[in-house]
C-alpha cells in the first residue's frame, strides 16, 4: 500500500540512511537515545522528556506521509459533499413548509456526516499510524532506538489522537459552513452551539483514534484493523439492532459508533434514538479506547517484533 511504502521512507528504519540519521538523531531517536549516557554522570532520560522526544519523532513520521494528508483531505471533502446534499434536501423541505426551518438541523446533519464518513477516515488514519511500521519491519529499528515500548505506543497514540481531534473539529466547521449556504437565510447558525458541537466531535474522533491505534498495534495488520473497525463502528451494532431483542438492542447503543454519535450530536441524531442519555455515552467510548490500549500495550510488550 502506498502509505506503507511512504512510511518506510519517512519513518524509522526506512532503509534510507540519510533520512534515518538526520531525522532520528535530530529528534532524539539516534542510537542510545533511550539508554543511559556513559559520560557526564547523567542517567537515562526522564519519562516525560522521553515521551516528548518520541512524540516529536512520531509527528514527523506521520506528517511526512502523503497518505496522512490524503485521508484528512478526503474526510473534509466528504463532509463538504455530504453537507451540500443534506443542505439541498433541507432547503427543499423548508421551501415546502417554512415552519420546518430549525437551527438544530446544523448539528443534526453534521453529526450524521461524522457517523457515515468522518469516523471511518479517522479509522484509516489510526490504522496507517499503528500498522505501517509492522508491515515494512521498520518497527525493529524504532524499538532499538526507544526500547521502552509503552513510550512508543503512547507517542503514536497522542499524535494520532491529535490529528483526529483536528479532523473532527475542522469537518464540523466545514459542514456547518456548507449547510449555512443553503439554510442560513431561513435558520441562523447558533455559533456557541456549533463550537460546542465541533469540540465534542473532535473529542470523540480523538477517542476513536486512541481505540484504533490500540487495535492496530495489537493486530499489526492494516486490513484487519480497518475490517474490525468497520464492524465495531457500524456492522455489529446494526446486526444487534436487527435482532429485535431489547437487551441486545440496548447493548448495541454502548458500541463506540452509536455511543459516539449520541454524544457529539447532543442527543439529536435524526436517525437513531439511544436508550441512554448523558455522560454514559462518552464514558462508553472511553471504556473501549482504554480497553484497546491495554490489549495493545500487553501485545507490544510480550510479542517479538
Protein backbone atom coordinates (compact mmCIF):
# COMPACT_ATOMS: atom_id res chain seq x y z
CA UNK A 1 0.00 0.00 0.00
CA UNK A 2 1.36 3.46 -0.81
CA UNK A 3 1.08 4.68 2.79
CA UNK A 4 3.24 1.77 3.95
CA UNK A 5 5.94 2.44 1.38
CA UNK A 6 5.90 6.13 2.27
CA UNK A 7 6.12 5.22 5.95
CA UNK A 8 9.19 3.16 5.17
CA UNK A 9 10.87 6.16 3.53
CA UNK A 10 9.80 8.76 6.09
CA UNK A 11 9.88 6.69 9.26
CA UNK A 12 12.48 4.97 11.28
CA UNK A 13 14.42 2.08 9.86
CA UNK A 14 13.37 3.14 6.37
CA UNK A 15 16.50 1.93 4.67
CA UNK A 16 17.32 5.50 3.65
CA UNK A 17 20.46 6.24 5.69
CA UNK A 18 20.34 9.98 5.17
CA UNK A 19 16.76 10.30 6.35
CA UNK A 20 17.26 7.96 9.29
CA UNK A 21 20.40 9.64 10.51
CA UNK A 22 19.06 13.15 10.11
CA UNK A 23 15.54 12.65 11.43
CA UNK A 24 16.22 10.16 14.17
CA UNK A 25 19.24 11.84 15.68
CA UNK A 26 17.70 15.31 15.50
CA UNK A 27 14.65 14.09 17.37
CA UNK A 28 16.48 12.03 19.95
CA UNK A 29 15.96 8.76 18.09
CA UNK A 30 19.58 8.00 17.35
CA UNK A 31 21.43 5.07 18.87
CA UNK A 32 21.50 5.33 22.62
CA UNK A 33 18.66 7.89 22.71
CA UNK A 34 16.78 5.82 25.25
CA UNK A 35 19.82 4.37 27.00
CA UNK A 36 21.89 5.66 29.91
CA UNK A 37 24.66 8.05 28.98
CA UNK A 38 28.22 6.96 29.66
CA UNK A 39 29.63 10.44 30.17
CA UNK A 40 28.80 13.35 32.41
CA UNK A 41 27.22 11.12 35.05
CA UNK A 42 23.77 11.54 33.53
CA UNK A 43 21.24 8.75 33.81
CA UNK A 44 18.55 7.74 31.34
CA UNK A 45 16.16 10.47 30.19
CA UNK A 46 13.13 11.10 32.33
CA UNK A 47 9.87 9.57 31.19
CA UNK A 48 8.35 12.95 30.32
CA UNK A 49 11.33 14.04 28.22
CA UNK A 50 11.49 10.65 26.53
CA UNK A 51 7.80 10.78 25.67
CA UNK A 52 8.15 14.34 24.40
CA UNK A 53 11.02 13.41 22.08
CA UNK A 54 9.23 10.31 20.84
CA UNK A 55 6.05 12.30 20.22
CA UNK A 56 8.01 14.80 18.15
CA UNK A 57 9.57 11.99 16.12
CA UNK A 58 6.18 10.35 15.64
CA UNK A 59 4.70 13.64 14.45
CA UNK A 60 7.48 13.94 11.86
CA UNK A 61 6.80 10.39 10.70
CA UNK A 62 3.03 10.74 10.37
CA UNK A 63 3.03 14.28 8.98
CA UNK A 64 5.61 13.36 6.32
CA UNK A 65 3.30 10.73 4.81
CA UNK A 66 1.25 11.89 1.84
CA UNK A 67 -1.35 9.28 2.79
CA UNK A 68 -1.98 11.04 6.11
CA UNK A 69 -2.95 14.30 4.45
CA UNK A 70 -4.81 12.49 1.68
CA UNK A 71 -7.06 10.88 4.31
CA UNK A 72 -7.58 14.25 6.04
CA UNK A 73 -8.49 15.87 2.70
CA UNK A 74 -10.92 13.06 1.88
CA UNK A 75 -12.60 13.46 5.28
CA UNK A 76 -13.09 17.21 4.82
CA UNK A 77 -14.19 16.87 1.20
CA UNK A 78 -16.57 14.06 2.12
CA UNK A 79 -18.17 16.19 4.82
CA UNK A 80 -18.50 19.10 2.38
CA UNK A 81 -20.24 16.94 -0.22
CA UNK A 82 -22.47 15.31 2.40
CA UNK A 83 -23.42 18.73 3.83
CA UNK A 84 -24.21 20.04 0.35
CA UNK A 85 -26.52 17.12 -0.38
CA UNK A 86 -28.22 17.34 3.01
CA UNK A 87 -28.40 21.13 2.76
CA UNK A 88 -30.21 20.93 -0.55
CA UNK A 89 -32.63 18.37 0.91
CA UNK A 90 -33.20 20.55 3.98
CA UNK A 91 -33.75 23.63 1.81
CA UNK A 92 -36.35 21.79 -0.28
CA UNK A 93 -38.15 20.74 2.88
CA UNK A 94 -38.14 24.31 4.23
CA UNK A 95 -39.44 25.77 0.97
CA UNK A 96 -42.35 23.35 1.09
CA UNK A 97 -43.08 24.24 4.71
CA UNK A 98 -41.26 27.29 6.18
CA UNK A 99 -42.20 26.17 9.69
CA UNK A 100 -39.72 23.31 9.27
CA UNK A 101 -36.76 25.72 9.50
CA UNK A 102 -34.72 24.79 12.56
CA UNK A 103 -31.21 25.81 13.61
CA UNK A 104 -30.78 22.35 15.18
CA UNK A 105 -30.50 20.98 11.64
CA UNK A 106 -26.89 22.18 11.51
CA UNK A 107 -25.79 19.96 14.37
CA UNK A 108 -28.03 17.06 13.42
CA UNK A 109 -26.78 16.88 9.83
CA UNK A 110 -23.09 17.38 10.62
CA UNK A 111 -23.30 14.62 13.23
CA UNK A 112 -24.66 12.32 10.53
CA UNK A 113 -21.70 13.26 8.33
CA UNK A 114 -19.36 12.22 11.12
CA UNK A 115 -21.17 8.95 11.62
CA UNK A 116 -21.32 7.93 7.97
CA UNK A 117 -17.99 9.34 6.75
CA UNK A 118 -15.56 11.07 9.09
CA UNK A 119 -15.22 8.35 11.71
CA UNK A 120 -14.05 5.94 9.01
CA UNK A 121 -11.41 8.41 7.86
CA UNK A 122 -10.18 8.51 11.47
CA UNK A 123 -10.14 4.71 11.48
CA UNK A 124 -7.90 4.72 8.39
CA UNK A 125 -5.61 7.37 9.92
CA UNK A 126 -5.15 5.28 13.05
CA UNK A 127 -4.61 2.11 11.02
CA UNK A 128 -1.92 3.81 8.92
CA UNK A 129 -0.17 5.13 12.01
CA UNK A 130 -0.25 1.91 14.02
CA UNK A 131 0.43 -0.78 11.40
CA UNK A 132 2.73 0.85 8.84
CA UNK A 133 5.98 0.08 10.64
CA UNK A 134 4.94 -3.52 11.30
CA UNK A 135 4.27 -4.01 7.60
CA UNK A 136 7.75 -2.89 6.47
CA UNK A 137 9.56 -4.12 9.61
CA UNK A 138 10.95 -0.66 10.38
CA UNK A 139 9.43 -1.09 13.85
CA UNK A 140 12.57 -3.09 14.68
CA UNK A 141 14.80 -0.02 14.42
CA UNK A 142 12.19 2.09 16.23
CA UNK A 143 12.34 -0.21 19.23
CA UNK A 144 16.13 -0.28 19.13
CA UNK A 145 16.20 3.50 19.48
CA UNK A 146 13.37 3.51 22.01
CA UNK A 147 13.42 0.23 23.98
CA UNK A 148 10.53 1.30 26.25
CA UNK A 149 7.70 0.09 24.07
CA UNK A 150 4.98 1.80 26.09
CA UNK A 151 6.59 5.15 25.24
CA UNK A 152 6.39 4.35 21.52
CA UNK A 153 2.73 3.36 21.86
CA UNK A 154 1.88 6.44 23.92
CA UNK A 155 3.57 8.80 21.46
CA UNK A 156 1.89 7.17 18.47
CA UNK A 157 -1.47 7.36 20.21
CA UNK A 158 -1.03 11.03 21.15
CA UNK A 159 -0.16 12.08 17.61
CA UNK A 160 -2.98 10.04 16.08
CA UNK A 161 -5.46 11.45 18.59
CA UNK A 162 -4.29 15.00 17.91
CA UNK A 163 -4.76 14.58 14.17
CA UNK A 164 -8.17 13.00 14.70
CA UNK A 165 -9.22 15.85 17.00
CA UNK A 166 -8.31 18.34 14.29
CA UNK A 167 -10.24 16.35 11.68
CA UNK A 168 -13.32 16.25 13.93
CA UNK A 169 -13.27 19.99 14.61
CA UNK A 170 -12.49 21.07 11.05
CA UNK A 171 -15.00 18.74 9.43
CA UNK A 172 -17.73 20.07 11.73
CA UNK A 173 -16.91 23.64 10.78
CA UNK A 174 -16.81 22.72 7.10
CA UNK A 175 -20.20 21.01 7.38
CA UNK A 176 -21.77 23.95 9.19
CA UNK A 177 -20.35 26.42 6.65
CA UNK A 178 -21.70 24.44 3.67
CA UNK A 179 -25.09 23.94 5.30
CA UNK A 180 -25.26 27.66 6.05
CA UNK A 181 -25.11 28.34 2.33
CA UNK A 182 -28.42 26.55 1.95
CA UNK A 183 -30.24 27.01 5.24
CA UNK A 184 -28.90 30.21 6.82
CA UNK A 185 -31.49 32.53 5.15
CA UNK A 186 -34.21 30.57 6.96
CA UNK A 187 -32.50 29.37 10.16
CA UNK A 188 -29.48 31.11 11.63
CA UNK A 189 -26.44 29.29 12.97
CA UNK A 190 -26.16 29.15 16.74
CA UNK A 191 -22.41 29.89 16.95
CA UNK A 192 -21.83 28.75 20.57
CA UNK A 193 -23.71 25.55 19.82
CA UNK A 194 -21.62 24.99 16.69
CA UNK A 195 -18.39 25.47 18.66
CA UNK A 196 -19.53 23.00 21.33
CA UNK A 197 -20.51 20.50 18.62
CA UNK A 198 -17.12 20.90 16.91
CA UNK A 199 -15.24 20.30 20.15
CA UNK A 200 -17.46 17.33 21.00
CA UNK A 201 -16.85 15.79 17.59
CA UNK A 202 -13.12 16.43 17.93
CA UNK A 203 -13.05 14.74 21.34
CA UNK A 204 -14.94 11.71 20.08
CA UNK A 205 -12.76 11.37 16.96
CA UNK A 206 -9.67 11.60 19.16
CA UNK A 207 -11.00 8.76 21.32
CA UNK A 208 -11.67 6.72 18.19
CA UNK A 209 -8.04 7.28 17.19
CA UNK A 210 -6.93 6.05 20.63
CA UNK A 211 -9.16 3.00 20.21
CA UNK A 212 -7.99 2.06 16.71
CA UNK A 213 -4.33 2.84 17.31
CA UNK A 214 -4.61 0.25 20.06
CA UNK A 215 -6.40 -2.19 17.78
CA UNK A 216 -3.83 -1.70 15.01
CA UNK A 217 -0.92 -2.18 17.39
CA UNK A 218 -2.44 -5.41 18.69
CA UNK A 219 -3.39 -6.82 15.29
CA UNK A 220 -0.36 -5.44 13.34
CA UNK A 221 -2.43 -5.62 10.17
CA UNK A 222 -3.97 -2.71 8.29
CA UNK A 223 -6.71 -4.77 6.55
CA UNK A 224 -7.54 -6.47 9.85
CA UNK A 225 -7.70 -3.16 11.72
CA UNK A 226 -9.93 -1.50 9.13
CA UNK A 227 -12.21 -4.54 8.89
CA UNK A 228 -12.60 -4.84 12.66
CA UNK A 229 -13.09 -1.08 12.94
CA UNK A 230 -15.87 -1.10 10.37
CA UNK A 231 -17.61 -3.94 12.19
CA UNK A 232 -17.30 -2.27 15.59
CA UNK A 233 -18.43 1.16 14.38
CA UNK A 234 -21.26 0.16 12.06
CA UNK A 235 -21.71 -3.51 11.14
CA UNK A 236 -22.11 -5.17 14.51
CA UNK A 237 -24.42 -2.50 16.02
CA UNK A 238 -26.73 -2.80 13.01
CA UNK A 239 -26.91 -6.57 13.36
CA UNK A 240 -27.56 -6.28 17.10
CA UNK A 241 -30.40 -3.84 16.48
CA UNK A 242 -31.94 -6.15 13.89
CA UNK A 243 -32.21 -8.91 16.48
CA UNK A 244 -35.36 -7.24 17.91
CA UNK A 245 -34.25 -8.36 21.38
CA UNK A 246 -34.47 -5.42 23.77
CA UNK A 247 -31.38 -6.31 25.81
CA UNK A 248 -29.25 -6.80 22.70
CA UNK A 249 -30.52 -3.56 21.19
CA UNK A 250 -29.67 -1.69 24.37
CA UNK A 251 -26.21 -3.23 24.35
CA UNK A 252 -25.70 -2.01 20.78
CA UNK A 253 -26.08 1.57 21.99
CA UNK A 254 -22.90 1.11 24.03
CA UNK A 255 -20.84 0.22 20.96
CA UNK A 256 -18.43 3.07 20.16
CA UNK A 257 -20.07 4.24 16.93
CA UNK A 258 -23.58 4.65 18.32
CA UNK A 259 -22.43 5.91 21.72
CA UNK A 260 -20.19 8.41 19.97
CA UNK A 261 -22.82 9.86 17.66
CA UNK A 262 -25.23 10.20 20.55
CA UNK A 263 -22.57 12.22 22.36
CA UNK A 264 -21.42 14.62 19.62
CA UNK A 265 -24.93 15.05 18.19
CA UNK A 266 -26.16 16.21 21.57
CA UNK A 267 -28.92 13.60 21.54
CA UNK A 268 -30.49 14.79 18.26
CA UNK A 269 -29.09 12.25 15.81
CA UNK A 270 -32.06 12.25 13.49
CA UNK A 271 -31.95 8.56 12.54
CA UNK A 272 -31.43 6.92 15.92
CA UNK A 273 -32.73 7.29 19.47
CA UNK A 274 -30.48 5.87 22.16
CA UNK A 275 -31.92 4.24 25.28
CA UNK A 276 -29.30 6.03 27.38
CA UNK A 277 -28.70 9.77 27.64
CA UNK A 278 -25.96 11.80 29.22
CA UNK A 279 -22.32 11.04 30.09
CA UNK A 280 -22.77 7.28 29.77
CA UNK A 281 -22.25 7.63 26.01
CA UNK A 282 -18.85 9.28 26.11
CA UNK A 283 -17.85 7.02 29.02
CA UNK A 284 -18.65 4.02 26.81
CA UNK A 285 -16.29 5.33 24.12
CA UNK A 286 -13.60 5.99 26.75
CA UNK A 287 -14.01 2.42 28.00
CA UNK A 288 -13.50 0.98 24.53
CA UNK A 289 -10.42 3.16 23.98
CA UNK A 290 -8.84 2.22 27.32
CA UNK A 291 -9.50 -1.48 26.76
CA UNK A 292 -7.87 -1.36 23.30
CA UNK A 293 -4.82 0.42 24.72
CA UNK A 294 -4.43 -2.17 27.48
CA UNK A 295 -4.52 -5.01 24.93
CA UNK A 296 -2.10 -3.14 22.64
CA UNK A 297 0.39 -2.48 25.42
CA UNK A 298 0.28 -6.12 26.51
CA UNK A 299 0.77 -7.39 22.96
CA UNK A 300 3.60 -4.96 22.30
CA UNK A 301 5.43 -6.00 25.46
CA UNK A 302 5.09 -9.78 25.18
CA UNK A 303 5.39 -10.35 21.42
CA UNK A 304 8.59 -10.18 19.43
CA UNK A 305 8.62 -7.77 16.50
